[in-house]
């Protein structure tokens, strides 16, 4: 992704994906990488984990540790603040789609 605007947009889309899935059930990093790859995002752990940490620092998600197959796995859940942010972001996204549409322009 060459364009810095595209990069920032995709980072925003990734944050929305994270908040959406964390609102449904606790998520963990490797699962989220897999989920995002199914939507065409090519992310490394070195890209995803700083995004998760920033979302946590901003108060939108929090984490807890759980032992899985002898290893500690960090699970992330959405916070009340994260739920508000997700709801507001969905509203803005719906307004934007209504205005600009989703069909490709030539």
PDB file of N, CA and C in Angstrom:
ATOM      1  N   UNK A   1       0.852  -1.168   0.000  1.00  0.00           N
ATOM      2  CA  UNK A   1       0.000   0.000   0.000  1.00  0.00           C
ATOM      3  C   UNK A   1       0.904   1.240   0.000  1.00  0.00           C
ATOM      4  N   UNK A   2       0.932   1.928  -1.111  1.00  0.00           N
ATOM      5  CA  UNK A   2       1.840   3.061  -1.269  1.00  0.00           C
ATOM      6  C   UNK A   2       1.298   4.335  -0.660  1.00  0.00           C
ATOM      7  N   UNK A   3       0.043   4.570  -0.816  1.00  0.00           N
ATOM      8  CA  UNK A   3      -0.597   5.825  -0.463  1.00  0.00           C
ATOM      9  C   UNK A   3      -0.859   5.905   1.046  1.00  0.00           C
ATOM     10  N   UNK A   4      -0.437   7.005   1.669  1.00  0.00           N
ATOM     11  CA  UNK A   4      -0.614   7.116   3.125  1.00  0.00           C
ATOM     12  C   UNK A   4      -2.089   7.237   3.517  1.00  0.00           C
ATOM     13  N   UNK A   5      -2.922   7.818   2.628  1.00  0.00           N
ATOM     14  CA  UNK A   5      -4.360   7.883   2.932  1.00  0.00           C
ATOM     15  C   UNK A   5      -4.944   6.478   2.932  1.00  0.00           C
ATOM     16  N   UNK A   6      -4.591   5.664   1.938  1.00  0.00           N
ATOM     17  CA  UNK A   6      -5.064   4.277   1.899  1.00  0.00           C
ATOM     18  C   UNK A   6      -4.610   3.521   3.137  1.00  0.00           C
ATOM     19  N   UNK A   7      -3.369   3.740   3.539  1.00  0.00           N
ATOM     20  CA  UNK A   7      -2.839   3.063   4.725  1.00  0.00           C
ATOM     21  C   UNK A   7      -3.639   3.435   5.962  1.00  0.00           C
ATOM     22  N   UNK A   8      -3.939   4.713   6.117  1.00  0.00           N
ATOM     23  CA  UNK A   8      -4.714   5.160   7.286  1.00  0.00           C
ATOM     24  C   UNK A   8      -6.136   4.623   7.232  1.00  0.00           C
ATOM     25  N   UNK A   9      -6.745   4.601   6.038  1.00  0.00           N
ATOM     26  CA  UNK A   9      -8.099   4.048   5.900  1.00  0.00           C
ATOM     27  C   UNK A   9      -8.112   2.579   6.296  1.00  0.00           C
ATOM     28  N   UNK A  10      -7.156   1.814   5.769  1.00  0.00           N
ATOM     29  CA  UNK A  10      -7.123   0.390   6.085  1.00  0.00           C
ATOM     30  C   UNK A  10      -6.873   0.152   7.565  1.00  0.00           C
ATOM     31  N   UNK A  11      -6.062   0.995   8.188  1.00  0.00           N
ATOM     32  CA  UNK A  11      -5.849   0.860   9.626  1.00  0.00           C
ATOM     33  C   UNK A  11      -7.161   1.096  10.378  1.00  0.00           C
ATOM     34  N   UNK A  12      -7.948   2.057   9.904  1.00  0.00           N
ATOM     35  CA  UNK A  12      -9.259   2.295  10.494  1.00  0.00           C
ATOM     36  C   UNK A  12     -10.193   1.118  10.300  1.00  0.00           C
ATOM     37  N   UNK A  13     -10.176   0.523   9.097  1.00  0.00           N
ATOM     38  CA  UNK A  13     -11.006  -0.654   8.835  1.00  0.00           C
ATOM     39  C   UNK A  13     -10.599  -1.804   9.751  1.00  0.00           C
ATOM     40  N   UNK A  14      -9.297  -1.969   9.953  1.00  0.00           N
ATOM     41  CA  UNK A  14      -8.803  -3.029  10.824  1.00  0.00           C
ATOM     42  C   UNK A  14      -9.297  -2.795  12.256  1.00  0.00           C
ATOM     43  N   UNK A  15      -9.241  -1.560  12.717  1.00  0.00           N
ATOM     44  CA  UNK A  15      -9.746  -1.242  14.063  1.00  0.00           C
ATOM     45  C   UNK A  15     -11.227  -1.575  14.177  1.00  0.00           C
ATOM     46  N   UNK A  16     -12.003  -1.255  13.142  1.00  0.00           N
ATOM     47  CA  UNK A  16     -13.436  -1.589  13.157  1.00  0.00           C
ATOM     48  C   UNK A  16     -13.644  -3.096  13.219  1.00  0.00           C
ATOM     49  N   UNK A  17     -12.865  -3.849  12.441  1.00  0.00           N
ATOM     50  CA  UNK A  17     -12.958  -5.312  12.488  1.00  0.00           C
ATOM     51  C   UNK A  17     -12.669  -5.815  13.903  1.00  0.00           C
ATOM     52  N   UNK A  18     -11.609  -5.298  14.496  1.00  0.00           N
ATOM     53  CA  UNK A  18     -11.232  -5.739  15.843  1.00  0.00           C
ATOM     54  C   UNK A  18     -12.349  -5.433  16.833  1.00  0.00           C
ATOM     55  N   UNK A  19     -12.834  -4.204  16.824  1.00  0.00           N
ATOM     56  CA  UNK A  19     -13.903  -3.833  17.757  1.00  0.00           C
ATOM     57  C   UNK A  19     -15.157  -4.667  17.515  1.00  0.00           C
ATOM     58  N   UNK A  20     -15.501  -4.886  16.251  1.00  0.00           N
ATOM     59  CA  UNK A  20     -16.687  -5.690  15.930  1.00  0.00           C
ATOM     60  C   UNK A  20     -16.557  -7.094  16.520  1.00  0.00           C
ATOM     61  N   UNK A  21     -15.446  -7.759  16.225  1.00  0.00           N
ATOM     62  CA  UNK A  21     -15.286  -9.134  16.699  1.00  0.00           C
ATOM     63  C   UNK A  21     -15.137  -9.206  18.218  1.00  0.00           C
ATOM     64  N   UNK A  22     -14.448  -8.227  18.797  1.00  0.00           N
ATOM     65  CA  UNK A  22     -14.299  -8.206  20.252  1.00  0.00           C
ATOM     66  C   UNK A  22     -15.626  -7.930  20.947  1.00  0.00           C
ATOM     67  N   UNK A  23     -16.582  -7.345  20.214  1.00  0.00           N
ATOM     68  CA  UNK A  23     -17.907  -7.106  20.796  1.00  0.00           C
ATOM     69  C   UNK A  23     -18.750  -8.385  20.801  1.00  0.00           C
ATOM     70  N   UNK A  24     -18.379  -9.354  19.951  1.00  0.00           N
ATOM     71  CA  UNK A  24     -19.126 -10.617  19.857  1.00  0.00           C
ATOM     72  C   UNK A  24     -18.623 -11.643  20.865  1.00  0.00           C
ATOM     73  N   UNK A  25     -17.296 -11.719  20.998  1.00  0.00           N
ATOM     74  CA  UNK A  25     -16.653 -12.659  21.912  1.00  0.00           C
ATOM     75  C   UNK A  25     -15.196 -12.251  22.062  1.00  0.00           C
ATOM     76  N   UNK A  26     -14.531 -12.711  23.118  1.00  0.00           N
ATOM     77  CA  UNK A  26     -13.110 -12.380  23.266  1.00  0.00           C
ATOM     78  C   UNK A  26     -12.306 -12.914  22.072  1.00  0.00           C
ATOM     79  N   UNK A  27     -11.341 -12.135  21.627  1.00  0.00           N
ATOM     80  CA  UNK A  27     -10.507 -12.516  20.481  1.00  0.00           C
ATOM     81  C   UNK A  27      -9.050 -12.610  20.942  1.00  0.00           C
ATOM     82  N   UNK A  28      -8.233 -13.265  20.134  1.00  0.00           N
ATOM     83  CA  UNK A  28      -6.793 -13.281  20.389  1.00  0.00           C
ATOM     84  C   UNK A  28      -6.077 -13.016  19.069  1.00  0.00           C
ATOM     85  N   UNK A  29      -4.834 -12.603  19.167  1.00  0.00           N
ATOM     86  CA  UNK A  29      -4.099 -12.087  18.019  1.00  0.00           C
ATOM     87  C   UNK A  29      -4.024 -12.996  16.816  1.00  0.00           C
ATOM     88  N   UNK A  30      -3.606 -14.249  16.995  1.00  0.00           N
ATOM     89  CA  UNK A  30      -3.442 -15.121  15.825  1.00  0.00           C
ATOM     90  C   UNK A  30      -4.791 -15.406  15.155  1.00  0.00           C
ATOM     91  N   UNK A  31      -5.857 -15.506  15.936  1.00  0.00           N
ATOM     92  CA  UNK A  31      -7.187 -15.683  15.338  1.00  0.00           C
ATOM     93  C   UNK A  31      -7.559 -14.446  14.528  1.00  0.00           C
ATOM     94  N   UNK A  32      -7.273 -13.267  15.073  1.00  0.00           N
ATOM     95  CA  UNK A  32      -7.610 -12.017  14.389  1.00  0.00           C
ATOM     96  C   UNK A  32      -6.822 -11.887  13.095  1.00  0.00           C
ATOM     97  N   UNK A  33      -5.558 -12.293  13.090  1.00  0.00           N
ATOM     98  CA  UNK A  33      -4.762 -12.272  11.860  1.00  0.00           C
ATOM     99  C   UNK A  33      -5.404 -13.144  10.787  1.00  0.00           C
ATOM    100  N   UNK A  34      -5.858 -14.326  11.199  1.00  0.00           N
ATOM    101  CA  UNK A  34      -6.525 -15.247  10.276  1.00  0.00           C
ATOM    102  C   UNK A  34      -7.825 -14.644   9.744  1.00  0.00           C
ATOM    103  N   UNK A  35      -8.611 -14.083  10.643  1.00  0.00           N
ATOM    104  CA  UNK A  35      -9.892 -13.462  10.267  1.00  0.00           C
ATOM    105  C   UNK A  35      -9.664 -12.328   9.280  1.00  0.00           C
ATOM    106  N   UNK A  36      -8.714 -11.471   9.564  1.00  0.00           N
ATOM    107  CA  UNK A  36      -8.436 -10.342   8.675  1.00  0.00           C
ATOM    108  C   UNK A  36      -7.923 -10.821   7.320  1.00  0.00           C
ATOM    109  N   UNK A  37      -7.133 -11.888   7.296  1.00  0.00           N
ATOM    110  CA  UNK A  37      -6.624 -12.400   6.020  1.00  0.00           C
ATOM    111  C   UNK A  37      -7.762 -12.911   5.144  1.00  0.00           C
ATOM    112  N   UNK A  38      -8.842 -13.416   5.764  1.00  0.00           N
ATOM    113  CA  UNK A  38     -10.011 -13.863   5.000  1.00  0.00           C
ATOM    114  C   UNK A  38     -10.710 -12.698   4.300  1.00  0.00           C
ATOM    115  N   UNK A  39     -10.448 -11.486   4.772  1.00  0.00           N
ATOM    116  CA  UNK A  39     -11.032 -10.287   4.163  1.00  0.00           C
ATOM    117  C   UNK A  39     -10.031  -9.558   3.270  1.00  0.00           C
ATOM    118  N   UNK A  40      -8.895 -10.209   3.009  1.00  0.00           N
ATOM    119  CA  UNK A  40      -7.922  -9.640   2.098  1.00  0.00           C
ATOM    120  C   UNK A  40      -6.838  -8.778   2.727  1.00  0.00           C
ATOM    121  N   UNK A  41      -6.831  -8.660   4.040  1.00  0.00           N
ATOM    122  CA  UNK A  41      -5.794  -7.882   4.713  1.00  0.00           C
ATOM    123  C   UNK A  41      -4.560  -8.771   4.914  1.00  0.00           C
ATOM    124  N   UNK A  42      -3.426  -8.252   4.532  1.00  0.00           N
ATOM    125  CA  UNK A  42      -2.172  -8.985   4.727  1.00  0.00           C
ATOM    126  C   UNK A  42      -1.394  -8.289   5.835  1.00  0.00           C
ATOM    127  N   UNK A  43      -1.562  -8.803   7.035  1.00  0.00           N
ATOM    128  CA  UNK A  43      -0.936  -8.197   8.211  1.00  0.00           C
ATOM    129  C   UNK A  43       0.039  -9.161   8.852  1.00  0.00           C
ATOM    130  N   UNK A  44       1.086  -8.607   9.404  1.00  0.00           N
ATOM    131  CA  UNK A  44       2.011  -9.405  10.198  1.00  0.00           C
ATOM    132  C   UNK A  44       1.672  -9.168  11.669  1.00  0.00           C
ATOM    133  N   UNK A  45       2.126 -10.056  12.538  1.00  0.00           N
ATOM    134  CA  UNK A  45       1.926  -9.804  13.967  1.00  0.00           C
ATOM    135  C   UNK A  45       2.537  -8.462  14.391  1.00  0.00           C
ATOM    136  N   UNK A  46       3.623  -8.070  13.747  1.00  0.00           N
ATOM    137  CA  UNK A  46       4.269  -6.805  14.064  1.00  0.00           C
ATOM    138  C   UNK A  46       3.439  -5.586  13.714  1.00  0.00           C
ATOM    139  N   UNK A  47       2.415  -5.781  12.886  1.00  0.00           N
ATOM    140  CA  UNK A  47       1.469  -4.707  12.563  1.00  0.00           C
ATOM    141  C   UNK A  47       0.244  -4.783  13.457  1.00  0.00           C
ATOM    142  N   UNK A  48      -0.275  -5.999  13.656  1.00  0.00           N
ATOM    143  CA  UNK A  48      -1.511  -6.165  14.425  1.00  0.00           C
ATOM    144  C   UNK A  48      -1.341  -5.839  15.905  1.00  0.00           C
ATOM    145  N   UNK A  49      -0.294  -6.368  16.531  1.00  0.00           N
ATOM    146  CA  UNK A  49      -0.183  -6.213  17.983  1.00  0.00           C
ATOM    147  C   UNK A  49      -0.056  -4.759  18.439  1.00  0.00           C
ATOM    148  N   UNK A  50       0.673  -3.901  17.721  1.00  0.00           N
ATOM    149  CA  UNK A  50       0.656  -2.485  18.116  1.00  0.00           C
ATOM    150  C   UNK A  50      -0.740  -1.855  18.005  1.00  0.00           C
ATOM    151  N   UNK A  51      -1.527  -2.290  17.014  1.00  0.00           N
ATOM    152  CA  UNK A  51      -2.899  -1.782  16.887  1.00  0.00           C
ATOM    153  C   UNK A  51      -3.720  -2.222  18.102  1.00  0.00           C
ATOM    154  N   UNK A  52      -3.593  -3.493  18.482  1.00  0.00           N
ATOM    155  CA  UNK A  52      -4.301  -3.994  19.668  1.00  0.00           C
ATOM    156  C   UNK A  52      -3.865  -3.224  20.911  1.00  0.00           C
ATOM    157  N   UNK A  53      -2.573  -3.017  21.060  1.00  0.00           N
ATOM    158  CA  UNK A  53      -2.073  -2.300  22.238  1.00  0.00           C
ATOM    159  C   UNK A  53      -2.575  -0.857  22.266  1.00  0.00           C
ATOM    160  N   UNK A  54      -2.617  -0.218  21.100  1.00  0.00           N
ATOM    161  CA  UNK A  54      -3.138   1.164  21.051  1.00  0.00           C
ATOM    162  C   UNK A  54      -4.619   1.210  21.387  1.00  0.00           C
ATOM    163  N   UNK A  55      -5.399   0.250  20.862  1.00  0.00           N
ATOM    164  CA  UNK A  55      -6.825   0.211  21.193  1.00  0.00           C
ATOM    165  C   UNK A  55      -7.029   0.010  22.690  1.00  0.00           C
ATOM    166  N   UNK A  56      -6.153  -0.792  23.291  1.00  0.00           N
ATOM    167  CA  UNK A  56      -6.250  -1.011  24.733  1.00  0.00           C
ATOM    168  C   UNK A  56      -5.845   0.254  25.494  1.00  0.00           C
ATOM    169  N   UNK A  57      -4.778   0.894  25.059  1.00  0.00           N
ATOM    170  CA  UNK A  57      -4.308   2.122  25.712  1.00  0.00           C
ATOM    171  C   UNK A  57      -5.379   3.217  25.637  1.00  0.00           C
ATOM    172  N   UNK A  58      -6.136   3.240  24.533  1.00  0.00           N
ATOM    173  CA  UNK A  58      -7.197   4.236  24.363  1.00  0.00           C
ATOM    174  C   UNK A  58      -8.470   3.861  25.117  1.00  0.00           C
ATOM    175  N   UNK A  59      -8.505   2.664  25.695  1.00  0.00           N
ATOM    176  CA  UNK A  59      -9.648   2.251  26.504  1.00  0.00           C
ATOM    177  C   UNK A  59     -10.772   1.587  25.734  1.00  0.00           C
ATOM    178  N   UNK A  60     -10.528   1.173  24.478  1.00  0.00           N
ATOM    179  CA  UNK A  60     -11.578   0.555  23.665  1.00  0.00           C
ATOM    180  C   UNK A  60     -11.657  -0.961  23.841  1.00  0.00           C
ATOM    181  N   UNK A  61     -10.544  -1.579  24.219  1.00  0.00           N
ATOM    182  CA  UNK A  61     -10.522  -3.011  24.522  1.00  0.00           C
ATOM    183  C   UNK A  61      -9.691  -3.205  25.785  1.00  0.00           C
ATOM    184  N   UNK A  62      -9.877  -4.353  26.422  1.00  0.00           N
ATOM    185  CA  UNK A  62      -8.996  -4.735  27.517  1.00  0.00           C
ATOM    186  C   UNK A  62      -8.634  -6.198  27.324  1.00  0.00           C
ATOM    187  N   UNK A  63      -7.682  -6.679  28.071  1.00  0.00           N
ATOM    188  CA  UNK A  63      -7.252  -8.065  27.883  1.00  0.00           C
ATOM    189  C   UNK A  63      -7.208  -8.827  29.203  1.00  0.00           C
ATOM    190  N   UNK A  64      -7.222 -10.128  29.045  1.00  0.00           N
ATOM    191  CA  UNK A  64      -6.961 -11.029  30.157  1.00  0.00           C
ATOM    192  C   UNK A  64      -6.154 -12.193  29.600  1.00  0.00           C
ATOM    193  N   UNK A  65      -5.378 -12.832  30.462  1.00  0.00           N
ATOM    194  CA  UNK A  65      -4.545 -13.957  30.049  1.00  0.00           C
ATOM    195  C   UNK A  65      -5.214 -15.268  30.430  1.00  0.00           C
ATOM    196  N   UNK A  66      -5.045 -16.249  29.552  1.00  0.00           N
ATOM    197  CA  UNK A  66      -5.571 -17.587  29.819  1.00  0.00           C
ATOM    198  C   UNK A  66      -4.555 -18.609  29.322  1.00  0.00           C
ATOM    199  N   UNK A  67      -4.365 -19.650  30.089  1.00  0.00           N
ATOM    200  CA  UNK A  67      -3.436 -20.700  29.690  1.00  0.00           C
ATOM    201  C   UNK A  67      -4.134 -21.632  28.707  1.00  0.00           C
ATOM    202  N   UNK A  68      -3.529 -21.804  27.526  1.00  0.00           N
ATOM    203  CA  UNK A  68      -4.083 -22.668  26.486  1.00  0.00           C
ATOM    204  C   UNK A  68      -2.956 -23.572  25.990  1.00  0.00           C
ATOM    205  N   UNK A  69      -3.130 -24.883  26.155  1.00  0.00           N
ATOM    206  CA  UNK A  69      -2.128 -25.865  25.736  1.00  0.00           C
ATOM    207  C   UNK A  69      -0.741 -25.525  26.302  1.00  0.00           C
ATOM    208  N   UNK A  70      -0.713 -25.134  27.550  1.00  0.00           N
ATOM    209  CA  UNK A  70       0.542 -24.858  28.229  1.00  0.00           C
ATOM    210  C   UNK A  70       1.135 -23.484  27.972  1.00  0.00           C
ATOM    211  N   UNK A  71       0.493 -22.691  27.131  1.00  0.00           N
ATOM    212  CA  UNK A  71       0.994 -21.346  26.838  1.00  0.00           C
ATOM    213  C   UNK A  71      -0.029 -20.305  27.275  1.00  0.00           C
ATOM    214  N   UNK A  72       0.474 -19.128  27.599  1.00  0.00           N
ATOM    215  CA  UNK A  72      -0.417 -18.028  27.969  1.00  0.00           C
ATOM    216  C   UNK A  72      -0.900 -17.337  26.702  1.00  0.00           C
ATOM    217  N   UNK A  73      -2.209 -17.235  26.561  1.00  0.00           N
ATOM    218  CA  UNK A  73      -2.815 -16.536  25.426  1.00  0.00           C
ATOM    219  C   UNK A  73      -3.505 -15.290  25.964  1.00  0.00           C
ATOM    220  N   UNK A  74      -3.310 -14.178  25.258  1.00  0.00           N
ATOM    221  CA  UNK A  74      -3.920 -12.905  25.653  1.00  0.00           C
ATOM    222  C   UNK A  74      -5.226 -12.749  24.863  1.00  0.00           C
ATOM    223  N   UNK A  75      -6.344 -12.665  25.575  1.00  0.00           N
ATOM    224  CA  UNK A  75      -7.657 -12.457  24.963  1.00  0.00           C
ATOM    225  C   UNK A  75      -8.063 -10.997  25.135  1.00  0.00           C
ATOM    226  N   UNK A  76      -8.683 -10.455  24.105  1.00  0.00           N
ATOM    227  CA  UNK A  76      -9.135  -9.068  24.125  1.00  0.00           C
ATOM    228  C   UNK A  76     -10.653  -9.020  24.046  1.00  0.00           C
ATOM    229  N   UNK A  77     -11.249  -8.164  24.875  1.00  0.00           N
ATOM    230  CA  UNK A  77     -12.697  -7.929  24.887  1.00  0.00           C
ATOM    231  C   UNK A  77     -12.948  -6.440  24.735  1.00  0.00           C
ATOM    232  N   UNK A  78     -14.098  -6.106  24.199  1.00  0.00           N
ATOM    233  CA  UNK A  78     -14.456  -4.699  24.033  1.00  0.00           C
ATOM    234  C   UNK A  78     -14.892  -4.118  25.379  1.00  0.00           C
ATOM    235  N   UNK A  79     -14.609  -2.848  25.584  1.00  0.00           N
ATOM    236  CA  UNK A  79     -15.045  -2.139  26.793  1.00  0.00           C
ATOM    237  C   UNK A  79     -16.319  -1.355  26.464  1.00  0.00           C
ATOM    238  N   UNK A  80     -16.923  -0.771  27.466  1.00  0.00           N
ATOM    239  CA  UNK A  80     -18.094   0.081  27.226  1.00  0.00           C
ATOM    240  C   UNK A  80     -17.728   1.245  26.304  1.00  0.00           C
ATOM    241  N   UNK A  81     -16.554   1.824  26.523  1.00  0.00           N
ATOM    242  CA  UNK A  81     -16.082   2.911  25.659  1.00  0.00           C
ATOM    243  C   UNK A  81     -15.894   2.408  24.220  1.00  0.00           C
ATOM    244  N   UNK A  82     -15.392   1.197  24.088  1.00  0.00           N
ATOM    245  CA  UNK A  82     -15.226   0.588  22.768  1.00  0.00           C
ATOM    246  C   UNK A  82     -16.555   0.355  22.075  1.00  0.00           C
ATOM    247  N   UNK A  83     -17.563  -0.059  22.843  1.00  0.00           N
ATOM    248  CA  UNK A  83     -18.903  -0.254  22.274  1.00  0.00           C
ATOM    249  C   UNK A  83     -19.458   1.061  21.748  1.00  0.00           C
ATOM    250  N   UNK A  84     -19.251   2.142  22.507  1.00  0.00           N
ATOM    251  CA  UNK A  84     -19.706   3.465  22.056  1.00  0.00           C
ATOM    252  C   UNK A  84     -18.987   3.875  20.784  1.00  0.00           C
ATOM    253  N   UNK A  85     -17.683   3.659  20.760  1.00  0.00           N
ATOM    254  CA  UNK A  85     -16.878   4.012  19.586  1.00  0.00           C
ATOM    255  C   UNK A  85     -17.320   3.210  18.366  1.00  0.00           C
ATOM    256  N   UNK A  86     -17.554   1.919  18.541  1.00  0.00           N
ATOM    257  CA  UNK A  86     -17.998   1.065  17.443  1.00  0.00           C
ATOM    258  C   UNK A  86     -19.346   1.533  16.914  1.00  0.00           C
ATOM    259  N   UNK A  87     -20.275   1.821  17.804  1.00  0.00           N
ATOM    260  CA  UNK A  87     -21.609   2.280  17.393  1.00  0.00           C
ATOM    261  C   UNK A  87     -21.509   3.584  16.598  1.00  0.00           C
ATOM    262  N   UNK A  88     -20.720   4.520  17.101  1.00  0.00           N
ATOM    263  CA  UNK A  88     -20.558   5.802  16.424  1.00  0.00           C
ATOM    264  C   UNK A  88     -19.861   5.621  15.070  1.00  0.00           C
ATOM    265  N   UNK A  89     -18.852   4.773  15.028  1.00  0.00           N
ATOM    266  CA  UNK A  89     -18.129   4.524  13.782  1.00  0.00           C
ATOM    267  C   UNK A  89     -19.040   3.884  12.741  1.00  0.00           C
ATOM    268  N   UNK A  90     -19.899   2.970  13.174  1.00  0.00           N
ATOM    269  CA  UNK A  90     -20.852   2.346  12.249  1.00  0.00           C
ATOM    270  C   UNK A  90     -21.806   3.385  11.668  1.00  0.00           C
ATOM    271  N   UNK A  91     -22.218   4.331  12.508  1.00  0.00           N
ATOM    272  CA  UNK A  91     -23.115   5.385  12.040  1.00  0.00           C
ATOM    273  C   UNK A  91     -22.418   6.237  10.978  1.00  0.00           C
ATOM    274  N   UNK A  92     -21.178   6.641  11.264  1.00  0.00           N
ATOM    275  CA  UNK A  92     -20.420   7.432  10.294  1.00  0.00           C
ATOM    276  C   UNK A  92     -20.192   6.645   9.003  1.00  0.00           C
ATOM    277  N   UNK A  93     -19.883   5.363   9.135  1.00  0.00           N
ATOM    278  CA  UNK A  93     -19.646   4.525   7.967  1.00  0.00           C
ATOM    279  C   UNK A  93     -20.919   4.395   7.126  1.00  0.00           C
ATOM    280  N   UNK A  94     -22.056   4.202   7.778  1.00  0.00           N
ATOM    281  CA  UNK A  94     -23.327   4.097   7.054  1.00  0.00           C
ATOM    282  C   UNK A  94     -23.638   5.397   6.313  1.00  0.00           C
ATOM    283  N   UNK A  95     -23.396   6.525   6.951  1.00  0.00           N
ATOM    284  CA  UNK A  95     -23.619   7.821   6.299  1.00  0.00           C
ATOM    285  C   UNK A  95     -22.704   7.987   5.094  1.00  0.00           C
ATOM    286  N   UNK A  96     -21.450   7.593   5.247  1.00  0.00           N
ATOM    287  CA  UNK A  96     -20.488   7.714   4.152  1.00  0.00           C
ATOM    288  C   UNK A  96     -20.884   6.832   2.981  1.00  0.00           C
ATOM    289  N   UNK A  97     -21.266   5.601   3.254  1.00  0.00           N
ATOM    290  CA  UNK A  97     -21.683   4.683   2.190  1.00  0.00           C
ATOM    291  C   UNK A  97     -22.930   5.206   1.492  1.00  0.00           C
ATOM    292  N   UNK A  98     -23.864   5.749   2.256  1.00  0.00           N
ATOM    293  CA  UNK A  98     -25.075   6.314   1.678  1.00  0.00           C
ATOM    294  C   UNK A  98     -24.727   7.479   0.741  1.00  0.00           C
ATOM    295  N   UNK A  99     -23.721   8.237   1.097  1.00  0.00           N
ATOM    296  CA  UNK A  99     -23.349   9.394   0.288  1.00  0.00           C
ATOM    297  C   UNK A  99     -22.523   9.021  -0.941  1.00  0.00           C
ATOM    298  N   UNK A 100     -21.526   8.178  -0.768  1.00  0.00           N
ATOM    299  CA  UNK A 100     -20.628   7.907  -1.882  1.00  0.00           C
ATOM    300  C   UNK A 100     -20.928   6.586  -2.592  1.00  0.00           C
ATOM    301  N   UNK A 101     -21.719   5.719  -1.999  1.00  0.00           N
ATOM    302  CA  UNK A 101     -22.040   4.437  -2.596  1.00  0.00           C
ATOM    303  C   UNK A 101     -20.886   3.457  -2.432  1.00  0.00           C
ATOM    304  N   UNK A 102     -21.098   2.256  -2.912  1.00  0.00           N
ATOM    305  CA  UNK A 102     -20.057   1.235  -2.813  1.00  0.00           C
ATOM    306  C   UNK A 102     -19.659   0.687  -4.169  1.00  0.00           C
ATOM    307  N   UNK A 103     -20.330   1.094  -5.233  1.00  0.00           N
ATOM    308  CA  UNK A 103     -19.961   0.582  -6.546  1.00  0.00           C
ATOM    309  C   UNK A 103     -18.663   1.243  -6.999  1.00  0.00           C
ATOM    310  N   UNK A 104     -17.925   0.496  -7.812  1.00  0.00           N
ATOM    311  CA  UNK A 104     -16.639   1.014  -8.306  1.00  0.00           C
ATOM    312  C   UNK A 104     -16.876   2.020  -9.407  1.00  0.00           C
ATOM    313  N   UNK A 105     -16.088   3.073  -9.365  1.00  0.00           N
ATOM    314  CA  UNK A 105     -16.151   4.071 -10.427  1.00  0.00           C
ATOM    315  C   UNK A 105     -15.079   3.791 -11.447  1.00  0.00           C
ATOM    316  N   UNK A 106     -15.351   4.159 -12.680  1.00  0.00           N
ATOM    317  CA  UNK A 106     -14.351   3.944 -13.739  1.00  0.00           C
ATOM    318  C   UNK A 106     -13.615   5.199 -14.060  1.00  0.00           C
TER     319      UNK A 106
END
